[in-house]
Amino acid sequence: MTRQKVATGLTGPVSAGRAGIFSAVLFGVGIIGQGLLHRDYNQVTELVSALATYPNGWIQNVSFVIVGCAMLVFSIGLIRAPLRGPGRRVGPALFVISSLGMIVAGFVPMQRIAGEYVQPLGHVIGALMTFLGAAGGLFISSFAFDKTPRFRGAVWAARLAGLAVGVLLFIFARFAMPEGTPFHAVAGVIQRVMVLCWLLGIISISQCLIRLSIKPADAA
């Protein structure tokens, strides 16, 4: 049986899938690359957002906005995908919230005042939108993927990634962020593992979106 490509638009499956992979790669490379550029930056203890307070911190802010916009294209493409079962609407909608959170965090960056990191309220809200939306979007969407044959390849990647992000976010907020907590010295590591789980889930879903654009041709 031959296969033919289906025409796609900006938020069609191919564009959405590529946007998801692009956003994941850009965010990951940006974190690593900028961290290596600043010798004083400690990737074990310091948060990703702290890069905005270093020289050329505008790169981090612009990166957040670009990643958020690309994630938004991915999210809308997922909304338009022919998902079935529970979570087919709520899951992708949570990805939209996560994407908007990234954009907010980019426009309201972390600051450093008198040598101390300061997180503006807008940045905190953006971060919560990003990670809570990602955790919920991954986990809830996985149930729709389970009922949609062409997305079954992403079921467990999305479900486990969603659970991991949710659990790590709780540990991060409760036991790593506040000074004096057990994991405060490795807050940067916990956040990076959380980001890695999130991005791997996005890549898995994106691959399904791209494959969705190839349909079997009708038999002659």
N, C-alpha and C. Protein backbone atom coordinates (compact mmCIF):
# COMPACT_ATOMS: atom_id res chain seq x y z
N MET A 1 0.84 -1.20 0.00
CA MET A 1 0.00 0.00 0.00
C MET A 1 0.87 1.24 0.00
N THR A 2 0.58 2.15 -0.95
CA THR A 2 1.36 3.38 -1.00
C THR A 2 0.88 4.35 0.06
N ARG A 3 1.71 5.35 0.34
CA ARG A 3 1.38 6.34 1.34
C ARG A 3 1.54 7.73 0.75
N GLN A 4 0.67 8.66 1.12
CA GLN A 4 0.78 10.01 0.61
C GLN A 4 0.70 11.01 1.75
N LYS A 5 1.35 12.13 1.55
CA LYS A 5 1.35 13.15 2.58
C LYS A 5 0.07 13.97 2.52
N VAL A 6 -0.39 14.37 3.69
CA VAL A 6 -1.56 15.23 3.79
C VAL A 6 -1.09 16.68 3.92
N ALA A 7 -1.76 17.59 3.21
CA ALA A 7 -1.38 19.00 3.28
C ALA A 7 -1.53 19.51 4.71
N THR A 8 -0.60 20.35 5.12
CA THR A 8 -0.63 20.85 6.50
C THR A 8 -0.45 22.36 6.51
N GLY A 9 -0.95 23.00 7.57
CA GLY A 9 -0.77 24.43 7.77
C GLY A 9 0.18 24.66 8.92
N LEU A 10 0.16 25.89 9.44
CA LEU A 10 1.06 26.25 10.52
C LEU A 10 0.87 25.37 11.75
N THR A 11 -0.39 25.03 12.05
CA THR A 11 -0.66 24.18 13.21
C THR A 11 -1.12 22.79 12.78
N GLY A 12 -0.77 22.41 11.55
CA GLY A 12 -1.03 21.05 11.11
C GLY A 12 -0.07 20.10 11.80
N PRO A 13 -0.26 18.79 11.63
CA PRO A 13 0.57 17.82 12.36
C PRO A 13 2.06 17.93 12.13
N VAL A 14 2.48 18.17 10.89
CA VAL A 14 3.92 18.25 10.62
C VAL A 14 4.53 19.47 11.29
N SER A 15 3.92 20.64 11.08
CA SER A 15 4.43 21.87 11.68
C SER A 15 4.40 21.80 13.20
N ALA A 16 3.31 21.27 13.75
CA ALA A 16 3.18 21.17 15.21
C ALA A 16 4.23 20.22 15.78
N GLY A 17 4.43 19.09 15.11
CA GLY A 17 5.42 18.14 15.58
C GLY A 17 6.83 18.70 15.51
N ARG A 18 7.13 19.36 14.43
CA ARG A 18 8.46 19.97 14.28
C ARG A 18 8.65 21.09 15.30
N ALA A 19 7.59 21.85 15.57
CA ALA A 19 7.67 22.92 16.56
C ALA A 19 7.95 22.35 17.95
N GLY A 20 7.33 21.21 18.25
CA GLY A 20 7.56 20.57 19.54
C GLY A 20 9.01 20.12 19.70
N ILE A 21 9.53 19.48 18.67
CA ILE A 21 10.92 19.01 18.72
C ILE A 21 11.88 20.20 18.75
N PHE A 22 11.60 21.21 17.94
CA PHE A 22 12.44 22.41 17.91
C PHE A 22 12.49 23.06 19.29
N SER A 23 11.35 23.21 19.94
CA SER A 23 11.30 23.87 21.24
C SER A 23 12.08 23.07 22.29
N ALA A 24 11.95 21.75 22.24
CA ALA A 24 12.66 20.90 23.21
C ALA A 24 14.17 21.00 23.01
N VAL A 25 14.60 20.93 21.76
CA VAL A 25 16.04 20.98 21.46
C VAL A 25 16.61 22.36 21.80
N LEU A 26 15.90 23.42 21.41
CA LEU A 26 16.37 24.77 21.67
C LEU A 26 16.50 25.02 23.17
N PHE A 27 15.49 24.61 23.92
CA PHE A 27 15.51 24.83 25.36
C PHE A 27 16.66 24.07 26.01
N GLY A 28 16.82 22.80 25.62
CA GLY A 28 17.88 21.99 26.20
C GLY A 28 19.27 22.51 25.86
N VAL A 29 19.49 22.82 24.59
CA VAL A 29 20.79 23.33 24.16
C VAL A 29 21.07 24.69 24.79
N GLY A 30 20.03 25.51 24.90
CA GLY A 30 20.19 26.83 25.50
C GLY A 30 20.63 26.76 26.95
N ILE A 31 20.00 25.87 27.70
CA ILE A 31 20.36 25.72 29.12
C ILE A 31 21.81 25.28 29.27
N ILE A 32 22.17 24.25 28.51
CA ILE A 32 23.54 23.72 28.62
C ILE A 32 24.56 24.74 28.12
N GLY A 33 24.28 25.30 26.95
CA GLY A 33 25.23 26.23 26.34
C GLY A 33 25.49 27.47 27.17
N GLN A 34 24.40 28.09 27.66
CA GLN A 34 24.58 29.29 28.46
C GLN A 34 25.23 28.98 29.80
N GLY A 35 24.91 27.82 30.35
CA GLY A 35 25.53 27.43 31.61
C GLY A 35 27.03 27.27 31.49
N LEU A 36 27.48 26.74 30.35
CA LEU A 36 28.91 26.54 30.13
C LEU A 36 29.64 27.86 29.86
N LEU A 37 28.92 28.85 29.35
CA LEU A 37 29.55 30.13 29.03
C LEU A 37 29.93 30.94 30.26
N HIS A 38 29.24 30.69 31.37
CA HIS A 38 29.47 31.47 32.59
C HIS A 38 30.15 30.61 33.64
N ARG A 39 31.41 30.88 33.89
CA ARG A 39 32.19 30.05 34.82
C ARG A 39 31.65 30.13 36.25
N ASP A 40 31.06 31.26 36.61
CA ASP A 40 30.55 31.43 37.96
C ASP A 40 29.19 30.76 38.17
N TYR A 41 28.58 30.35 37.09
CA TYR A 41 27.24 29.75 37.18
C TYR A 41 27.36 28.29 37.61
N ASN A 42 26.62 27.91 38.63
CA ASN A 42 26.66 26.55 39.17
C ASN A 42 25.40 25.80 38.75
N GLN A 43 25.53 24.84 37.86
CA GLN A 43 24.37 24.12 37.33
C GLN A 43 23.79 23.14 38.35
N VAL A 44 24.52 22.89 39.42
CA VAL A 44 24.01 21.98 40.46
C VAL A 44 23.07 22.72 41.41
N THR A 45 23.45 23.91 41.79
CA THR A 45 22.67 24.64 42.80
C THR A 45 21.76 25.72 42.23
N GLU A 46 22.13 26.31 41.09
CA GLU A 46 21.38 27.45 40.58
C GLU A 46 20.28 27.03 39.61
N LEU A 47 19.20 27.81 39.60
CA LEU A 47 18.06 27.53 38.74
C LEU A 47 18.34 27.96 37.30
N VAL A 48 17.58 27.38 36.38
CA VAL A 48 17.72 27.73 34.97
C VAL A 48 17.46 29.23 34.78
N SER A 49 16.45 29.76 35.44
CA SER A 49 16.07 31.17 35.28
C SER A 49 17.17 32.12 35.74
N ALA A 50 18.08 31.64 36.59
CA ALA A 50 19.16 32.50 37.09
C ALA A 50 20.08 32.95 35.98
N LEU A 51 20.09 32.24 34.86
CA LEU A 51 20.94 32.61 33.73
C LEU A 51 20.57 34.00 33.20
N ALA A 52 19.33 34.42 33.43
CA ALA A 52 18.90 35.74 32.97
C ALA A 52 19.60 36.87 33.72
N THR A 53 20.19 36.57 34.87
CA THR A 53 20.85 37.60 35.68
C THR A 53 22.34 37.73 35.35
N TYR A 54 22.84 36.86 34.49
CA TYR A 54 24.25 36.89 34.10
C TYR A 54 24.42 37.76 32.85
N PRO A 55 25.66 38.09 32.49
CA PRO A 55 25.88 38.86 31.26
C PRO A 55 25.20 38.20 30.07
N ASN A 56 24.65 39.01 29.20
CA ASN A 56 23.88 38.52 28.04
C ASN A 56 22.67 37.70 28.46
N GLY A 57 22.12 38.02 29.62
CA GLY A 57 20.94 37.30 30.11
C GLY A 57 19.73 37.45 29.22
N TRP A 58 19.75 38.46 28.35
CA TRP A 58 18.63 38.65 27.42
C TRP A 58 18.45 37.43 26.51
N ILE A 59 19.55 36.70 26.29
CA ILE A 59 19.45 35.49 25.45
C ILE A 59 18.50 34.49 26.08
N GLN A 60 18.60 34.33 27.41
CA GLN A 60 17.73 33.42 28.12
C GLN A 60 16.27 33.88 28.01
N ASN A 61 16.04 35.16 28.16
CA ASN A 61 14.68 35.69 28.10
C ASN A 61 14.06 35.48 26.72
N VAL A 62 14.84 35.79 25.68
CA VAL A 62 14.36 35.60 24.32
C VAL A 62 14.11 34.11 24.05
N SER A 63 15.00 33.27 24.57
CA SER A 63 14.84 31.82 24.41
C SER A 63 13.52 31.34 25.01
N PHE A 64 13.20 31.83 26.20
CA PHE A 64 11.95 31.44 26.84
C PHE A 64 10.76 31.81 25.96
N VAL A 65 10.78 33.00 25.39
CA VAL A 65 9.66 33.46 24.57
C VAL A 65 9.55 32.63 23.29
N ILE A 66 10.69 32.38 22.64
CA ILE A 66 10.68 31.59 21.41
C ILE A 66 10.21 30.17 21.69
N VAL A 67 10.72 29.57 22.75
CA VAL A 67 10.31 28.21 23.11
C VAL A 67 8.82 28.19 23.42
N GLY A 68 8.34 29.19 24.16
CA GLY A 68 6.91 29.25 24.48
C GLY A 68 6.05 29.35 23.24
N CYS A 69 6.47 30.17 22.27
CA CYS A 69 5.71 30.31 21.02
C CYS A 69 5.71 29.01 20.22
N ALA A 70 6.86 28.34 20.16
CA ALA A 70 6.94 27.06 19.45
C ALA A 70 6.08 26.00 20.15
N MET A 71 6.11 26.00 21.48
CA MET A 71 5.27 25.08 22.24
C MET A 71 3.78 25.36 22.00
N LEU A 72 3.45 26.63 21.79
CA LEU A 72 2.06 26.99 21.53
C LEU A 72 1.59 26.42 20.19
N VAL A 73 2.46 26.48 19.18
CA VAL A 73 2.15 25.87 17.89
C VAL A 73 1.94 24.37 18.06
N PHE A 74 2.83 23.74 18.83
CA PHE A 74 2.71 22.31 19.13
C PHE A 74 1.38 22.02 19.81
N SER A 75 1.02 22.83 20.80
CA SER A 75 -0.20 22.60 21.58
C SER A 75 -1.46 22.73 20.73
N ILE A 76 -1.50 23.77 19.89
CA ILE A 76 -2.67 23.96 19.03
C ILE A 76 -2.77 22.83 18.01
N GLY A 77 -1.61 22.38 17.51
CA GLY A 77 -1.62 21.24 16.61
C GLY A 77 -2.16 19.99 17.28
N LEU A 78 -1.84 19.81 18.56
CA LEU A 78 -2.34 18.65 19.29
C LEU A 78 -3.84 18.77 19.52
N ILE A 79 -4.32 19.99 19.75
CA ILE A 79 -5.76 20.21 19.90
C ILE A 79 -6.49 19.82 18.62
N ARG A 80 -5.88 20.12 17.49
CA ARG A 80 -6.51 19.83 16.19
C ARG A 80 -6.37 18.36 15.79
N ALA A 81 -5.53 17.62 16.48
CA ALA A 81 -5.32 16.21 16.14
C ALA A 81 -6.58 15.41 16.48
N PRO A 82 -6.83 14.34 15.74
CA PRO A 82 -8.05 13.53 15.96
C PRO A 82 -7.90 12.57 17.15
N LEU A 83 -7.77 13.14 18.34
CA LEU A 83 -7.64 12.32 19.53
C LEU A 83 -9.00 11.77 19.96
N ARG A 84 -8.97 10.66 20.68
CA ARG A 84 -10.20 10.04 21.16
C ARG A 84 -10.10 9.81 22.66
N GLY A 85 -11.24 9.55 23.28
CA GLY A 85 -11.23 9.14 24.68
C GLY A 85 -11.06 10.28 25.67
N PRO A 86 -10.96 9.94 26.93
CA PRO A 86 -10.84 10.95 27.99
C PRO A 86 -9.54 11.75 27.88
N GLY A 87 -9.62 13.02 28.15
CA GLY A 87 -8.42 13.86 28.12
C GLY A 87 -8.08 14.44 26.78
N ARG A 88 -8.90 14.17 25.75
CA ARG A 88 -8.54 14.63 24.40
C ARG A 88 -8.62 16.14 24.26
N ARG A 89 -9.37 16.81 25.12
CA ARG A 89 -9.47 18.27 25.08
C ARG A 89 -8.69 18.92 26.23
N VAL A 90 -8.85 18.37 27.42
CA VAL A 90 -8.22 18.96 28.61
C VAL A 90 -6.70 18.87 28.52
N GLY A 91 -6.17 17.72 28.11
CA GLY A 91 -4.72 17.55 28.04
C GLY A 91 -4.05 18.58 27.15
N PRO A 92 -4.45 18.69 25.87
CA PRO A 92 -3.84 19.69 25.00
C PRO A 92 -4.05 21.12 25.50
N ALA A 93 -5.21 21.39 26.15
CA ALA A 93 -5.45 22.74 26.68
C ALA A 93 -4.44 23.09 27.77
N LEU A 94 -4.06 22.09 28.55
CA LEU A 94 -3.05 22.32 29.59
C LEU A 94 -1.69 22.63 28.99
N PHE A 95 -1.41 22.05 27.82
CA PHE A 95 -0.16 22.38 27.12
C PHE A 95 -0.17 23.85 26.67
N VAL A 96 -1.34 24.35 26.31
CA VAL A 96 -1.45 25.77 25.94
C VAL A 96 -1.09 26.64 27.13
N ILE A 97 -1.62 26.28 28.30
CA ILE A 97 -1.31 27.03 29.53
C ILE A 97 0.19 26.98 29.81
N SER A 98 0.79 25.81 29.64
CA SER A 98 2.23 25.65 29.85
C SER A 98 3.02 26.55 28.91
N SER A 99 2.60 26.60 27.65
CA SER A 99 3.29 27.43 26.66
C SER A 99 3.21 28.91 27.01
N LEU A 100 2.02 29.35 27.42
CA LEU A 100 1.85 30.74 27.80
C LEU A 100 2.69 31.07 29.03
N GLY A 101 2.83 30.10 29.92
CA GLY A 101 3.67 30.29 31.11
C GLY A 101 5.11 30.55 30.74
N MET A 102 5.61 29.84 29.73
CA MET A 102 6.98 30.07 29.27
C MET A 102 7.15 31.50 28.75
N ILE A 103 6.17 31.96 28.02
CA ILE A 103 6.24 33.31 27.46
C ILE A 103 6.22 34.35 28.58
N VAL A 104 5.36 34.14 29.57
CA VAL A 104 5.29 35.05 30.71
C VAL A 104 6.63 35.09 31.45
N ALA A 105 7.21 33.90 31.67
CA ALA A 105 8.50 33.83 32.38
C ALA A 105 9.61 34.55 31.62
N GLY A 106 9.51 34.55 30.28
CA GLY A 106 10.51 35.24 29.49
C GLY A 106 10.37 36.75 29.57
N PHE A 107 9.14 37.23 29.65
CA PHE A 107 8.92 38.67 29.73
C PHE A 107 9.10 39.23 31.14
N VAL A 108 9.00 38.35 32.14
CA VAL A 108 9.19 38.78 33.53
C VAL A 108 10.30 37.91 34.13
N PRO A 109 11.56 38.19 33.80
CA PRO A 109 12.67 37.31 34.20
C PRO A 109 13.07 37.45 35.67
N MET A 110 13.83 36.47 36.10
CA MET A 110 14.44 36.54 37.44
C MET A 110 15.42 37.70 37.47
N GLN A 111 15.60 38.30 38.65
CA GLN A 111 16.51 39.42 38.81
C GLN A 111 17.51 39.12 39.92
N ARG A 112 18.60 39.91 39.92
CA ARG A 112 19.56 39.80 41.00
C ARG A 112 19.76 41.21 41.58
N ILE A 113 19.38 41.37 42.84
CA ILE A 113 19.46 42.66 43.51
C ILE A 113 20.37 42.53 44.74
N ALA A 114 21.42 43.34 44.77
CA ALA A 114 22.38 43.31 45.88
C ALA A 114 22.94 41.90 46.09
N GLY A 115 23.18 41.20 44.99
CA GLY A 115 23.77 39.87 45.07
C GLY A 115 22.79 38.76 45.39
N GLU A 116 21.51 39.10 45.57
CA GLU A 116 20.50 38.09 45.92
C GLU A 116 19.52 37.91 44.76
N TYR A 117 19.16 36.66 44.50
CA TYR A 117 18.18 36.38 43.45
C TYR A 117 16.79 36.80 43.91
N VAL A 118 16.06 37.44 43.01
CA VAL A 118 14.69 37.86 43.28
C VAL A 118 13.81 37.36 42.14
N GLN A 119 12.76 36.64 42.51
CA GLN A 119 11.81 36.15 41.51
C GLN A 119 10.54 37.00 41.56
N PRO A 120 10.31 37.86 40.57
CA PRO A 120 9.08 38.65 40.54
C PRO A 120 7.85 37.73 40.52
N LEU A 121 6.74 38.25 41.02
CA LEU A 121 5.51 37.45 41.07
C LEU A 121 5.14 36.91 39.70
N GLY A 122 5.31 37.75 38.67
CA GLY A 122 4.98 37.31 37.32
C GLY A 122 5.81 36.11 36.88
N HIS A 123 7.08 36.10 37.28
CA HIS A 123 7.95 34.98 36.91
C HIS A 123 7.52 33.70 37.63
N VAL A 124 7.17 33.84 38.90
CA VAL A 124 6.71 32.67 39.67
C VAL A 124 5.43 32.10 39.05
N ILE A 125 4.50 32.98 38.70
CA ILE A 125 3.26 32.54 38.07
C ILE A 125 3.55 31.85 36.74
N GLY A 126 4.44 32.44 35.94
CA GLY A 126 4.81 31.84 34.66
C GLY A 126 5.42 30.46 34.83
N ALA A 127 6.30 30.31 35.83
CA ALA A 127 6.94 29.01 36.08
C ALA A 127 5.91 27.96 36.51
N LEU A 128 4.98 28.36 37.37
CA LEU A 128 3.94 27.43 37.82
C LEU A 128 3.04 27.02 36.65
N MET A 129 2.68 27.97 35.82
CA MET A 129 1.89 27.65 34.63
C MET A 129 2.63 26.66 33.74
N THR A 130 3.93 26.91 33.57
CA THR A 130 4.74 26.06 32.70
C THR A 130 4.79 24.62 33.18
N PHE A 131 5.17 24.42 34.43
CA PHE A 131 5.39 23.05 34.91
C PHE A 131 4.11 22.33 35.32
N LEU A 132 3.15 23.05 35.92
CA LEU A 132 1.88 22.40 36.24
C LEU A 132 1.13 22.05 34.96
N GLY A 133 1.17 22.97 33.99
CA GLY A 133 0.53 22.69 32.71
C GLY A 133 1.17 21.52 31.99
N ALA A 134 2.50 21.47 32.04
CA ALA A 134 3.23 20.37 31.39
C ALA A 134 2.91 19.03 32.05
N ALA A 135 2.95 19.01 33.38
CA ALA A 135 2.67 17.76 34.11
C ALA A 135 1.27 17.26 33.81
N GLY A 136 0.29 18.17 33.93
CA GLY A 136 -1.09 17.78 33.66
C GLY A 136 -1.33 17.43 32.22
N GLY A 137 -0.74 18.22 31.30
CA GLY A 137 -0.92 17.95 29.89
C GLY A 137 -0.38 16.60 29.48
N LEU A 138 0.81 16.28 29.94
CA LEU A 138 1.42 14.98 29.60
C LEU A 138 0.60 13.83 30.16
N PHE A 139 0.26 13.91 31.45
CA PHE A 139 -0.43 12.80 32.09
C PHE A 139 -1.84 12.61 31.54
N ILE A 140 -2.61 13.68 31.46
CA ILE A 140 -4.01 13.56 31.02
C ILE A 140 -4.11 13.19 29.55
N SER A 141 -3.24 13.78 28.73
CA SER A 141 -3.27 13.45 27.30
C SER A 141 -2.96 11.98 27.04
N SER A 142 -2.17 11.38 27.92
CA SER A 142 -1.77 9.98 27.70
C SER A 142 -2.98 9.05 27.64
N PHE A 143 -4.07 9.40 28.32
CA PHE A 143 -5.28 8.56 28.29
C PHE A 143 -5.98 8.68 26.95
N ALA A 144 -5.91 9.87 26.35
CA ALA A 144 -6.45 10.03 25.00
C ALA A 144 -5.57 9.30 23.99
N PHE A 145 -4.26 9.36 24.19
CA PHE A 145 -3.35 8.64 23.29
C PHE A 145 -3.63 7.15 23.30
N ASP A 146 -3.98 6.62 24.45
CA ASP A 146 -4.24 5.19 24.58
C ASP A 146 -5.44 4.75 23.75
N LYS A 147 -6.36 5.70 23.49
CA LYS A 147 -7.56 5.39 22.70
C LYS A 147 -7.41 5.79 21.24
N THR A 148 -6.26 6.35 20.90
CA THR A 148 -6.01 6.80 19.53
C THR A 148 -4.86 6.00 18.95
N PRO A 149 -5.13 5.05 18.07
CA PRO A 149 -4.10 4.13 17.59
C PRO A 149 -2.79 4.79 17.15
N ARG A 150 -2.86 5.90 16.45
CA ARG A 150 -1.64 6.50 15.90
C ARG A 150 -0.86 7.30 16.94
N PHE A 151 -1.37 7.35 18.16
CA PHE A 151 -0.64 8.02 19.24
C PHE A 151 -0.23 7.05 20.35
N ARG A 152 -0.51 5.77 20.16
CA ARG A 152 -0.21 4.81 21.23
C ARG A 152 1.27 4.69 21.52
N GLY A 153 2.10 5.07 20.56
CA GLY A 153 3.54 5.03 20.79
C GLY A 153 4.01 6.03 21.83
N ALA A 154 3.15 7.01 22.14
CA ALA A 154 3.54 8.05 23.11
C ALA A 154 2.85 7.89 24.46
N VAL A 155 2.03 6.84 24.61
CA VAL A 155 1.23 6.70 25.84
C VAL A 155 2.10 6.69 27.09
N TRP A 156 3.03 5.75 27.16
CA TRP A 156 3.79 5.61 28.41
C TRP A 156 4.87 6.67 28.56
N ALA A 157 5.40 7.14 27.45
CA ALA A 157 6.37 8.24 27.54
C ALA A 157 5.70 9.47 28.14
N ALA A 158 4.49 9.78 27.65
CA ALA A 158 3.77 10.95 28.16
C ALA A 158 3.30 10.74 29.59
N ARG A 159 2.78 9.56 29.87
CA ARG A 159 2.23 9.30 31.22
C ARG A 159 3.33 9.33 32.28
N LEU A 160 4.42 8.64 32.02
CA LEU A 160 5.52 8.61 32.98
C LEU A 160 6.18 9.97 33.11
N ALA A 161 6.31 10.68 31.99
CA ALA A 161 6.90 12.02 32.04
C ALA A 161 6.02 12.96 32.86
N GLY A 162 4.70 12.86 32.67
CA GLY A 162 3.78 13.70 33.44
C GLY A 162 3.87 13.42 34.93
N LEU A 163 3.91 12.15 35.29
CA LEU A 163 4.04 11.78 36.70
C LEU A 163 5.37 12.27 37.26
N ALA A 164 6.43 12.09 36.50
CA ALA A 164 7.76 12.51 36.96
C ALA A 164 7.82 14.02 37.18
N VAL A 165 7.29 14.78 36.23
CA VAL A 165 7.31 16.24 36.37
C VAL A 165 6.49 16.67 37.58
N GLY A 166 5.33 16.05 37.78
CA GLY A 166 4.50 16.40 38.93
C GLY A 166 5.17 16.10 40.26
N VAL A 167 5.76 14.91 40.37
CA VAL A 167 6.43 14.52 41.61
C VAL A 167 7.65 15.39 41.87
N LEU A 168 8.45 15.61 40.82
CA LEU A 168 9.66 16.41 40.97
C LEU A 168 9.32 17.87 41.29
N LEU A 169 8.22 18.36 40.73
CA LEU A 169 7.81 19.74 41.02
C LEU A 169 7.46 19.88 42.50
N PHE A 170 6.78 18.89 43.06
CA PHE A 170 6.44 18.92 44.49
C PHE A 170 7.72 18.87 45.34
N ILE A 171 8.63 17.97 44.99
CA ILE A 171 9.89 17.86 45.74
C ILE A 171 10.68 19.16 45.62
N PHE A 172 10.71 19.71 44.42
CA PHE A 172 11.45 20.94 44.17
C PHE A 172 10.89 22.10 44.99
N ALA A 173 9.57 22.26 44.97
CA ALA A 173 8.95 23.39 45.68
C ALA A 173 9.00 23.23 47.19
N ARG A 174 8.88 21.99 47.65
CA ARG A 174 8.78 21.76 49.10
C ARG A 174 10.12 21.50 49.76
N PHE A 175 11.02 20.79 49.06
CA PHE A 175 12.26 20.33 49.71
C PHE A 175 13.55 20.85 49.07
N ALA A 176 13.45 21.69 48.03
CA ALA A 176 14.66 22.17 47.38
C ALA A 176 14.74 23.70 47.29
N MET A 177 13.63 24.34 46.97
CA MET A 177 13.65 25.79 46.80
C MET A 177 13.93 26.56 48.10
N PRO A 178 13.20 26.29 49.18
CA PRO A 178 13.44 27.08 50.41
C PRO A 178 14.82 26.79 51.00
N GLU A 179 15.48 27.83 51.47
CA GLU A 179 16.78 27.63 52.10
C GLU A 179 16.63 26.79 53.36
N GLY A 180 17.62 25.92 53.58
CA GLY A 180 17.59 25.06 54.76
C GLY A 180 16.87 23.74 54.55
N THR A 181 16.27 23.54 53.36
CA THR A 181 15.58 22.28 53.09
C THR A 181 16.60 21.21 52.64
N PRO A 182 16.24 19.93 52.74
CA PRO A 182 17.20 18.85 52.49
C PRO A 182 17.89 18.88 51.13
N PHE A 183 17.16 19.31 50.08
CA PHE A 183 17.73 19.24 48.73
C PHE A 183 18.04 20.61 48.14
N HIS A 184 18.16 21.61 49.00
CA HIS A 184 18.43 22.96 48.51
C HIS A 184 19.76 23.04 47.74
N ALA A 185 20.73 22.26 48.18
CA ALA A 185 22.06 22.30 47.55
C ALA A 185 22.06 21.69 46.15
N VAL A 186 21.01 20.95 45.81
CA VAL A 186 20.94 20.34 44.47
C VAL A 186 19.66 20.77 43.75
N ALA A 187 19.17 21.95 44.07
CA ALA A 187 17.93 22.45 43.45
C ALA A 187 18.07 22.52 41.94
N GLY A 188 19.24 22.94 41.46
CA GLY A 188 19.46 23.03 40.02
C GLY A 188 19.38 21.68 39.33
N VAL A 189 19.89 20.65 39.97
CA VAL A 189 19.84 19.30 39.40
C VAL A 189 18.41 18.81 39.32
N ILE A 190 17.64 18.99 40.40
CA ILE A 190 16.25 18.54 40.42
C ILE A 190 15.45 19.23 39.32
N GLN A 191 15.66 20.54 39.17
CA GLN A 191 14.93 21.26 38.13
C GLN A 191 15.31 20.77 36.75
N ARG A 192 16.58 20.48 36.54
CA ARG A 192 17.01 20.01 35.22
C ARG A 192 16.47 18.63 34.89
N VAL A 193 16.38 17.75 35.87
CA VAL A 193 15.79 16.43 35.64
C VAL A 193 14.31 16.60 35.29
N MET A 194 13.65 17.51 35.97
CA MET A 194 12.24 17.80 35.69
C MET A 194 12.07 18.30 34.27
N VAL A 195 12.93 19.21 33.85
CA VAL A 195 12.88 19.75 32.49
C VAL A 195 13.15 18.64 31.47
N LEU A 196 14.11 17.78 31.76
CA LEU A 196 14.44 16.68 30.85
C LEU A 196 13.24 15.76 30.64
N CYS A 197 12.57 15.38 31.72
CA CYS A 197 11.38 14.52 31.61
C CYS A 197 10.31 15.19 30.75
N TRP A 198 10.08 16.47 31.01
CA TRP A 198 9.08 17.22 30.25
C TRP A 198 9.42 17.23 28.76
N LEU A 199 10.66 17.56 28.42
CA LEU A 199 11.05 17.67 27.02
C LEU A 199 11.03 16.33 26.30
N LEU A 200 11.40 15.26 26.99
CA LEU A 200 11.35 13.93 26.37
C LEU A 200 9.91 13.54 26.05
N GLY A 201 8.99 13.91 26.94
CA GLY A 201 7.58 13.65 26.68
C GLY A 201 7.09 14.42 25.46
N ILE A 202 7.50 15.68 25.34
CA ILE A 202 7.11 16.51 24.20
C ILE A 202 7.64 15.92 22.90
N ILE A 203 8.88 15.47 22.92
CA ILE A 203 9.48 14.89 21.71
C ILE A 203 8.73 13.63 21.28
N SER A 204 8.36 12.79 22.24
CA SER A 204 7.62 11.57 21.91
C SER A 204 6.28 11.88 21.26
N ILE A 205 5.55 12.85 21.80
CA ILE A 205 4.27 13.25 21.22
C ILE A 205 4.47 13.87 19.85
N SER A 206 5.51 14.68 19.71
CA SER A 206 5.80 15.35 18.45
C SER A 206 6.05 14.35 17.33
N GLN A 207 6.73 13.26 17.65
CA GLN A 207 6.98 12.23 16.65
C GLN A 207 5.67 11.62 16.15
N CYS A 208 4.72 11.44 17.06
CA CYS A 208 3.41 10.92 16.66
C CYS A 208 2.67 11.91 15.77
N LEU A 209 2.78 13.19 16.09
CA LEU A 209 2.14 14.22 15.27
C LEU A 209 2.70 14.21 13.85
N ILE A 210 4.01 14.09 13.73
CA ILE A 210 4.63 14.07 12.41
C ILE A 210 4.19 12.84 11.63
N ARG A 211 4.16 11.68 12.30
CA ARG A 211 3.71 10.45 11.62
C ARG A 211 2.24 10.53 11.24
N LEU A 212 1.46 11.31 11.96
CA LEU A 212 0.05 11.46 11.68
C LEU A 212 -0.18 12.10 10.30
N SER A 213 0.81 12.83 9.83
CA SER A 213 0.67 13.52 8.55
C SER A 213 0.79 12.59 7.35
N ILE A 214 1.15 11.34 7.60
CA ILE A 214 1.29 10.36 6.51
C ILE A 214 0.11 9.40 6.61
N LYS A 215 -0.73 9.42 5.59
CA LYS A 215 -1.93 8.56 5.59
C LYS A 215 -1.84 7.51 4.50
N PRO A 216 -2.34 6.30 4.77
CA PRO A 216 -2.39 5.31 3.71
C PRO A 216 -3.31 5.79 2.59
N ALA A 217 -2.86 5.63 1.34
CA ALA A 217 -3.72 6.00 0.21
C ALA A 217 -4.84 5.01 0.06
N ASP A 218 -5.98 5.46 -0.45
CA ASP A 218 -7.11 4.56 -0.67
C ASP A 218 -6.72 3.50 -1.70
N ALA A 219 -7.18 2.32 -1.46
CA ALA A 219 -6.88 1.22 -2.41
C ALA A 219 -7.53 1.50 -3.75
N ALA A 220 -6.83 1.16 -4.80
CA ALA A 220 -7.35 1.43 -6.14
C ALA A 220 -8.50 0.49 -6.43
